[in-house]
Amino acid sequence: MKSRQVMTVAVLATVLAWSTLMTVLGYLAAVAALLPSLGLLIQQIVSACNGVASRRGSAAGSEELSR
């Protein structure tokens, strides 16, 4: 794994651990407010690790313009 990927995974693990801790301690409202951001964080990290989503998105965009 590249050092950048290791750092990304470490950040993700920290954010998820913090969210779990807040839930355990009873801060459900705070966690509910953070869920959309956490979902986007996970999606972007998976996309960055795979490197596929950005290539597909640009190809789909150019295909739409040609129609």
PDB file of N, CA and C in Angstrom:
ATOM      1  N   MET A   1       0.829  -1.179   0.000  1.00  0.00           N
ATOM      2  CA  MET A   1       0.000   0.000   0.000  1.00  0.00           C
ATOM      3  C   MET A   1       0.876   1.246   0.000  1.00  0.00           C
ATOM      4  N   LYS A   2       0.468   2.245  -0.720  1.00  0.00           N
ATOM      5  CA  LYS A   2       1.193   3.505  -0.734  1.00  0.00           C
ATOM      6  C   LYS A   2       0.955   4.240   0.571  1.00  0.00           C
ATOM      7  N   SER A   3       1.867   5.126   0.915  1.00  0.00           N
ATOM      8  CA  SER A   3       1.740   5.870   2.178  1.00  0.00           C
ATOM      9  C   SER A   3       0.488   6.747   2.182  1.00  0.00           C
ATOM     10  N   ARG A   4       0.101   7.231   1.012  1.00  0.00           N
ATOM     11  CA  ARG A   4      -1.111   8.046   0.929  1.00  0.00           C
ATOM     12  C   ARG A   4      -2.346   7.214   1.234  1.00  0.00           C
ATOM     13  N   GLN A   5      -2.375   5.976   0.749  1.00  0.00           N
ATOM     14  CA  GLN A   5      -3.496   5.098   1.034  1.00  0.00           C
ATOM     15  C   GLN A   5      -3.546   4.740   2.510  1.00  0.00           C
ATOM     16  N   VAL A   6      -2.382   4.516   3.109  1.00  0.00           N
ATOM     17  CA  VAL A   6      -2.325   4.203   4.533  1.00  0.00           C
ATOM     18  C   VAL A   6      -2.870   5.386   5.335  1.00  0.00           C
ATOM     19  N   MET A   7      -2.493   6.602   4.973  1.00  0.00           N
ATOM     20  CA  MET A   7      -2.978   7.795   5.665  1.00  0.00           C
ATOM     21  C   MET A   7      -4.492   7.932   5.499  1.00  0.00           C
ATOM     22  N   THR A   8      -4.997   7.662   4.313  1.00  0.00           N
ATOM     23  CA  THR A   8      -6.429   7.745   4.058  1.00  0.00           C
ATOM     24  C   THR A   8      -7.192   6.755   4.917  1.00  0.00           C
ATOM     25  N   VAL A   9      -6.710   5.540   4.988  1.00  0.00           N
ATOM     26  CA  VAL A   9      -7.363   4.515   5.801  1.00  0.00           C
ATOM     27  C   VAL A   9      -7.301   4.901   7.282  1.00  0.00           C
ATOM     28  N   ALA A  10      -6.204   5.469   7.718  1.00  0.00           N
ATOM     29  CA  ALA A  10      -6.073   5.887   9.116  1.00  0.00           C
ATOM     30  C   ALA A  10      -7.073   6.992   9.449  1.00  0.00           C
ATOM     31  N   VAL A  11      -7.237   7.946   8.555  1.00  0.00           N
ATOM     32  CA  VAL A  11      -8.202   9.029   8.774  1.00  0.00           C
ATOM     33  C   VAL A  11      -9.613   8.471   8.817  1.00  0.00           C
ATOM     34  N   LEU A  12      -9.939   7.585   7.903  1.00  0.00           N
ATOM     35  CA  LEU A  12     -11.265   6.977   7.882  1.00  0.00           C
ATOM     36  C   LEU A  12     -11.536   6.212   9.171  1.00  0.00           C
ATOM     37  N   ALA A  13     -10.576   5.446   9.623  1.00  0.00           N
ATOM     38  CA  ALA A  13     -10.740   4.675  10.857  1.00  0.00           C
ATOM     39  C   ALA A  13     -10.939   5.605  12.054  1.00  0.00           C
ATOM     40  N   THR A  14     -10.223   6.716  12.082  1.00  0.00           N
ATOM     41  CA  THR A  14     -10.370   7.677  13.171  1.00  0.00           C
ATOM     42  C   THR A  14     -11.755   8.305  13.182  1.00  0.00           C
ATOM     43  N   VAL A  15     -12.240   8.696  12.015  1.00  0.00           N
ATOM     44  CA  VAL A  15     -13.568   9.316  11.923  1.00  0.00           C
ATOM     45  C   VAL A  15     -14.644   8.313  12.328  1.00  0.00           C
ATOM     46  N   LEU A  16     -14.533   7.087  11.862  1.00  0.00           N
ATOM     47  CA  LEU A  16     -15.536   6.086  12.216  1.00  0.00           C
ATOM     48  C   LEU A  16     -15.488   5.746  13.700  1.00  0.00           C
ATOM     49  N   ALA A  17     -14.303   5.686  14.270  1.00  0.00           N
ATOM     50  CA  ALA A  17     -14.176   5.410  15.707  1.00  0.00           C
ATOM     51  C   ALA A  17     -14.784   6.545  16.523  1.00  0.00           C
ATOM     52  N   TRP A  18     -14.520   7.779  16.106  1.00  0.00           N
ATOM     53  CA  TRP A  18     -15.081   8.927  16.809  1.00  0.00           C
ATOM     54  C   TRP A  18     -16.608   8.916  16.736  1.00  0.00           C
ATOM     55  N   SER A  19     -17.168   8.595  15.588  1.00  0.00           N
ATOM     56  CA  SER A  19     -18.616   8.521  15.436  1.00  0.00           C
ATOM     57  C   SER A  19     -19.206   7.428  16.325  1.00  0.00           C
ATOM     58  N   THR A  20     -18.535   6.298  16.381  1.00  0.00           N
ATOM     59  CA  THR A  20     -18.991   5.204  17.238  1.00  0.00           C
ATOM     60  C   THR A  20     -18.955   5.622  18.701  1.00  0.00           C
ATOM     61  N   LEU A  21     -17.898   6.295  19.096  1.00  0.00           N
ATOM     62  CA  LEU A  21     -17.769   6.757  20.473  1.00  0.00           C
ATOM     63  C   LEU A  21     -18.884   7.743  20.827  1.00  0.00           C
ATOM     64  N   MET A  22     -19.183   8.675  19.926  1.00  0.00           N
ATOM     65  CA  MET A  22     -20.265   9.625  20.176  1.00  0.00           C
ATOM     66  C   MET A  22     -21.596   8.906  20.329  1.00  0.00           C
ATOM     67  N   THR A  23     -21.832   7.887  19.521  1.00  0.00           N
ATOM     68  CA  THR A  23     -23.074   7.128  19.612  1.00  0.00           C
ATOM     69  C   THR A  23     -23.163   6.410  20.951  1.00  0.00           C
ATOM     70  N   VAL A  24     -22.082   5.777  21.351  1.00  0.00           N
ATOM     71  CA  VAL A  24     -22.055   5.054  22.624  1.00  0.00           C
ATOM     72  C   VAL A  24     -22.299   6.008  23.790  1.00  0.00           C
ATOM     73  N   LEU A  25     -21.755   7.199  23.702  1.00  0.00           N
ATOM     74  CA  LEU A  25     -21.911   8.165  24.778  1.00  0.00           C
ATOM     75  C   LEU A  25     -23.260   8.879  24.750  1.00  0.00           C
ATOM     76  N   GLY A  26     -24.058   8.631  23.724  1.00  0.00           N
ATOM     77  CA  GLY A  26     -25.402   9.183  23.695  1.00  0.00           C
ATOM     78  C   GLY A  26     -25.583  10.421  22.847  1.00  0.00           C
ATOM     79  N   TYR A  27     -24.632  10.750  22.030  1.00  0.00           N
ATOM     80  CA  TYR A  27     -24.763  11.921  21.168  1.00  0.00           C
ATOM     81  C   TYR A  27     -25.379  11.537  19.831  1.00  0.00           C
ATOM     82  N   LEU A  28     -26.565  10.958  19.881  1.00  0.00           N
ATOM     83  CA  LEU A  28     -27.205  10.450  18.668  1.00  0.00           C
ATOM     84  C   LEU A  28     -27.529  11.572  17.686  1.00  0.00           C
ATOM     85  N   ALA A  29     -27.947  12.729  18.187  1.00  0.00           N
ATOM     86  CA  ALA A  29     -28.277  13.853  17.302  1.00  0.00           C
ATOM     87  C   ALA A  29     -27.043  14.317  16.533  1.00  0.00           C
ATOM     88  N   ALA A  30     -25.893  14.350  17.195  1.00  0.00           N
ATOM     89  CA  ALA A  30     -24.664  14.765  16.521  1.00  0.00           C
ATOM     90  C   ALA A  30     -24.272  13.762  15.448  1.00  0.00           C
ATOM     91  N   VAL A  31     -24.427  12.480  15.754  1.00  0.00           N
ATOM     92  CA  VAL A  31     -24.095  11.445  14.773  1.00  0.00           C
ATOM     93  C   VAL A  31     -25.039  11.527  13.580  1.00  0.00           C
ATOM     94  N   ALA A  32     -26.331  11.747  13.850  1.00  0.00           N
ATOM     95  CA  ALA A  32     -27.300  11.857  12.754  1.00  0.00           C
ATOM     96  C   ALA A  32     -26.953  13.026  11.831  1.00  0.00           C
ATOM     97  N   ALA A  33     -26.444  14.104  12.403  1.00  0.00           N
ATOM     98  CA  ALA A  33     -26.055  15.254  11.587  1.00  0.00           C
ATOM     99  C   ALA A  33     -24.810  14.953  10.759  1.00  0.00           C
ATOM    100  N   LEU A  34     -23.937  14.066  11.254  1.00  0.00           N
ATOM    101  CA  LEU A  34     -22.689  13.751  10.557  1.00  0.00           C
ATOM    102  C   LEU A  34     -22.827  12.626   9.530  1.00  0.00           C
ATOM    103  N   LEU A  35     -23.896  11.863   9.567  1.00  0.00           N
ATOM    104  CA  LEU A  35     -24.022  10.707   8.683  1.00  0.00           C
ATOM    105  C   LEU A  35     -23.870  11.038   7.193  1.00  0.00           C
ATOM    106  N   PRO A  36     -24.508  12.079   6.676  1.00  0.00           N
ATOM    107  CA  PRO A  36     -24.292  12.385   5.250  1.00  0.00           C
ATOM    108  C   PRO A  36     -22.824  12.663   4.919  1.00  0.00           C
ATOM    109  N   SER A  37     -22.148  13.386   5.792  1.00  0.00           N
ATOM    110  CA  SER A  37     -20.726  13.676   5.562  1.00  0.00           C
ATOM    111  C   SER A  37     -19.889  12.408   5.625  1.00  0.00           C
ATOM    112  N   LEU A  38     -20.200  11.535   6.567  1.00  0.00           N
ATOM    113  CA  LEU A  38     -19.461  10.279   6.676  1.00  0.00           C
ATOM    114  C   LEU A  38     -19.679   9.412   5.434  1.00  0.00           C
ATOM    115  N   GLY A  39     -20.908   9.400   4.929  1.00  0.00           N
ATOM    116  CA  GLY A  39     -21.189   8.644   3.711  1.00  0.00           C
ATOM    117  C   GLY A  39     -20.371   9.145   2.533  1.00  0.00           C
ATOM    118  N   LEU A  40     -20.305  10.465   2.384  1.00  0.00           N
ATOM    119  CA  LEU A  40     -19.497  11.046   1.304  1.00  0.00           C
ATOM    120  C   LEU A  40     -18.021  10.754   1.493  1.00  0.00           C
ATOM    121  N   LEU A  41     -17.558  10.818   2.739  1.00  0.00           N
ATOM    122  CA  LEU A  41     -16.155  10.525   3.029  1.00  0.00           C
ATOM    123  C   LEU A  41     -15.809   9.105   2.604  1.00  0.00           C
ATOM    124  N   ILE A  42     -16.640   8.170   2.981  1.00  0.00           N
ATOM    125  CA  ILE A  42     -16.389   6.766   2.623  1.00  0.00           C
ATOM    126  C   ILE A  42     -16.425   6.578   1.112  1.00  0.00           C
ATOM    127  N   GLN A  43     -17.417   7.188   0.454  1.00  0.00           N
ATOM    128  CA  GLN A  43     -17.526   7.055  -1.002  1.00  0.00           C
ATOM    129  C   GLN A  43     -16.287   7.621  -1.699  1.00  0.00           C
ATOM    130  N   GLN A  44     -15.809   8.771  -1.275  1.00  0.00           N
ATOM    131  CA  GLN A  44     -14.653   9.381  -1.924  1.00  0.00           C
ATOM    132  C   GLN A  44     -13.370   8.610  -1.655  1.00  0.00           C
ATOM    133  N   ILE A  45     -13.253   8.048  -0.464  1.00  0.00           N
ATOM    134  CA  ILE A  45     -12.060   7.255  -0.163  1.00  0.00           C
ATOM    135  C   ILE A  45     -12.042   5.989  -1.006  1.00  0.00           C
ATOM    136  N   VAL A  46     -13.195   5.342  -1.138  1.00  0.00           N
ATOM    137  CA  VAL A  46     -13.258   4.135  -1.973  1.00  0.00           C
ATOM    138  C   VAL A  46     -12.944   4.488  -3.421  1.00  0.00           C
ATOM    139  N   SER A  47     -13.490   5.605  -3.903  1.00  0.00           N
ATOM    140  CA  SER A  47     -13.210   6.029  -5.276  1.00  0.00           C
ATOM    141  C   SER A  47     -11.729   6.326  -5.476  1.00  0.00           C
ATOM    142  N   ALA A  48     -11.120   6.982  -4.492  1.00  0.00           N
ATOM    143  CA  ALA A  48      -9.696   7.324  -4.608  1.00  0.00           C
ATOM    144  C   ALA A  48      -8.831   6.069  -4.599  1.00  0.00           C
ATOM    145  N   CYS A  49      -9.202   5.102  -3.766  1.00  0.00           N
ATOM    146  CA  CYS A  49      -8.416   3.866  -3.705  1.00  0.00           C
ATOM    147  C   CYS A  49      -8.549   3.057  -4.986  1.00  0.00           C
ATOM    148  N   ASN A  50      -9.751   3.039  -5.552  1.00  0.00           N
ATOM    149  CA  ASN A  50      -9.965   2.279  -6.789  1.00  0.00           C
ATOM    150  C   ASN A  50      -9.500   3.040  -8.017  1.00  0.00           C
ATOM    151  N   GLY A  51      -9.663   4.354  -8.019  1.00  0.00           N
ATOM    152  CA  GLY A  51      -9.256   5.168  -9.153  1.00  0.00           C
ATOM    153  C   GLY A  51     -10.111   4.944 -10.383  1.00  0.00           C
ATOM    154  N   VAL A  52     -11.270   4.325 -10.204  1.00  0.00           N
ATOM    155  CA  VAL A  52     -12.117   3.973 -11.341  1.00  0.00           C
ATOM    156  C   VAL A  52     -13.247   4.967 -11.507  1.00  0.00           C
ATOM    157  N   ALA A  53     -13.805   5.450 -10.429  1.00  0.00           N
ATOM    158  CA  ALA A  53     -14.995   6.288 -10.500  1.00  0.00           C
ATOM    159  C   ALA A  53     -14.746   7.566 -11.292  1.00  0.00           C
ATOM    160  N   SER A  54     -13.595   8.188 -11.125  1.00  0.00           N
ATOM    161  CA  SER A  54     -13.333   9.436 -11.836  1.00  0.00           C
ATOM    162  C   SER A  54     -13.203   9.196 -13.337  1.00  0.00           C
ATOM    163  N   ARG A  55     -12.613   8.076 -13.717  1.00  0.00           N
ATOM    164  CA  ARG A  55     -12.479   7.784 -15.146  1.00  0.00           C
ATOM    165  C   ARG A  55     -13.839   7.484 -15.760  1.00  0.00           C
ATOM    166  N   ARG A  56     -14.666   6.753 -15.046  1.00  0.00           N
ATOM    167  CA  ARG A  56     -16.004   6.450 -15.554  1.00  0.00           C
ATOM    168  C   ARG A  56     -16.838   7.711 -15.667  1.00  0.00           C
ATOM    169  N   GLY A  57     -16.745   8.581 -14.666  1.00  0.00           N
ATOM    170  CA  GLY A  57     -17.530   9.808 -14.662  1.00  0.00           C
ATOM    171  C   GLY A  57     -17.194  10.702 -15.828  1.00  0.00           C
ATOM    172  N   SER A  58     -15.927  10.840 -16.161  1.00  0.00           N
ATOM    173  CA  SER A  58     -15.546  11.705 -17.270  1.00  0.00           C
ATOM    174  C   SER A  58     -15.955  11.098 -18.606  1.00  0.00           C
ATOM    175  N   ALA A  59     -15.904   9.781 -18.715  1.00  0.00           N
ATOM    176  CA  ALA A  59     -16.329   9.127 -19.961  1.00  0.00           C
ATOM    177  C   ALA A  59     -17.836   9.238 -20.132  1.00  0.00           C
ATOM    178  N   ALA A  60     -18.583   9.109 -19.049  1.00  0.00           N
ATOM    179  CA  ALA A  60     -20.035   9.225 -19.128  1.00  0.00           C
ATOM    180  C   ALA A  60     -20.436  10.651 -19.487  1.00  0.00           C
ATOM    181  N   GLY A  61     -19.727  11.627 -18.942  1.00  0.00           N
ATOM    182  CA  GLY A  61     -20.029  13.017 -19.239  1.00  0.00           C
ATOM    183  C   GLY A  61     -19.800  13.341 -20.697  1.00  0.00           C
ATOM    184  N   SER A  62     -18.742  12.848 -21.282  1.00  0.00           N
ATOM    185  CA  SER A  62     -18.472  13.136 -22.694  1.00  0.00           C
ATOM    186  C   SER A  62     -19.461  12.388 -23.593  1.00  0.00           C
ATOM    187  N   GLU A  63     -19.921  11.220 -23.129  1.00  0.00           N
ATOM    188  CA  GLU A  63     -20.900  10.455 -23.892  1.00  0.00           C
ATOM    189  C   GLU A  63     -22.230  11.217 -23.921  1.00  0.00           C
ATOM    190  N   GLU A  64     -22.614  11.826 -22.801  1.00  0.00           N
ATOM    191  CA  GLU A  64     -23.844  12.592 -22.728  1.00  0.00           C
ATOM    192  C   GLU A  64     -23.787  13.805 -23.662  1.00  0.00           C
ATOM    193  N   LEU A  65     -22.619  14.454 -23.727  1.00  0.00           N
ATOM    194  CA  LEU A  65     -22.497  15.628 -24.583  1.00  0.00           C
ATOM    195  C   LEU A  65     -22.576  15.273 -26.059  1.00  0.00           C
ATOM    196  N   SER A  66     -22.150  14.086 -26.447  1.00  0.00           N
ATOM    197  CA  SER A  66     -22.148  13.723 -27.853  1.00  0.00           C
ATOM    198  C   SER A  66     -23.529  13.331 -28.352  1.00  0.00           C
ATOM    199  N   ARG A  67     -24.450  13.082 -27.451  1.00  0.00           N
ATOM    200  CA  ARG A  67     -25.802  12.666 -27.882  1.00  0.00           C
ATOM    201  C   ARG A  67     -26.621  13.780 -28.361  1.00  0.00           C
TER     202      ARG A  67
END
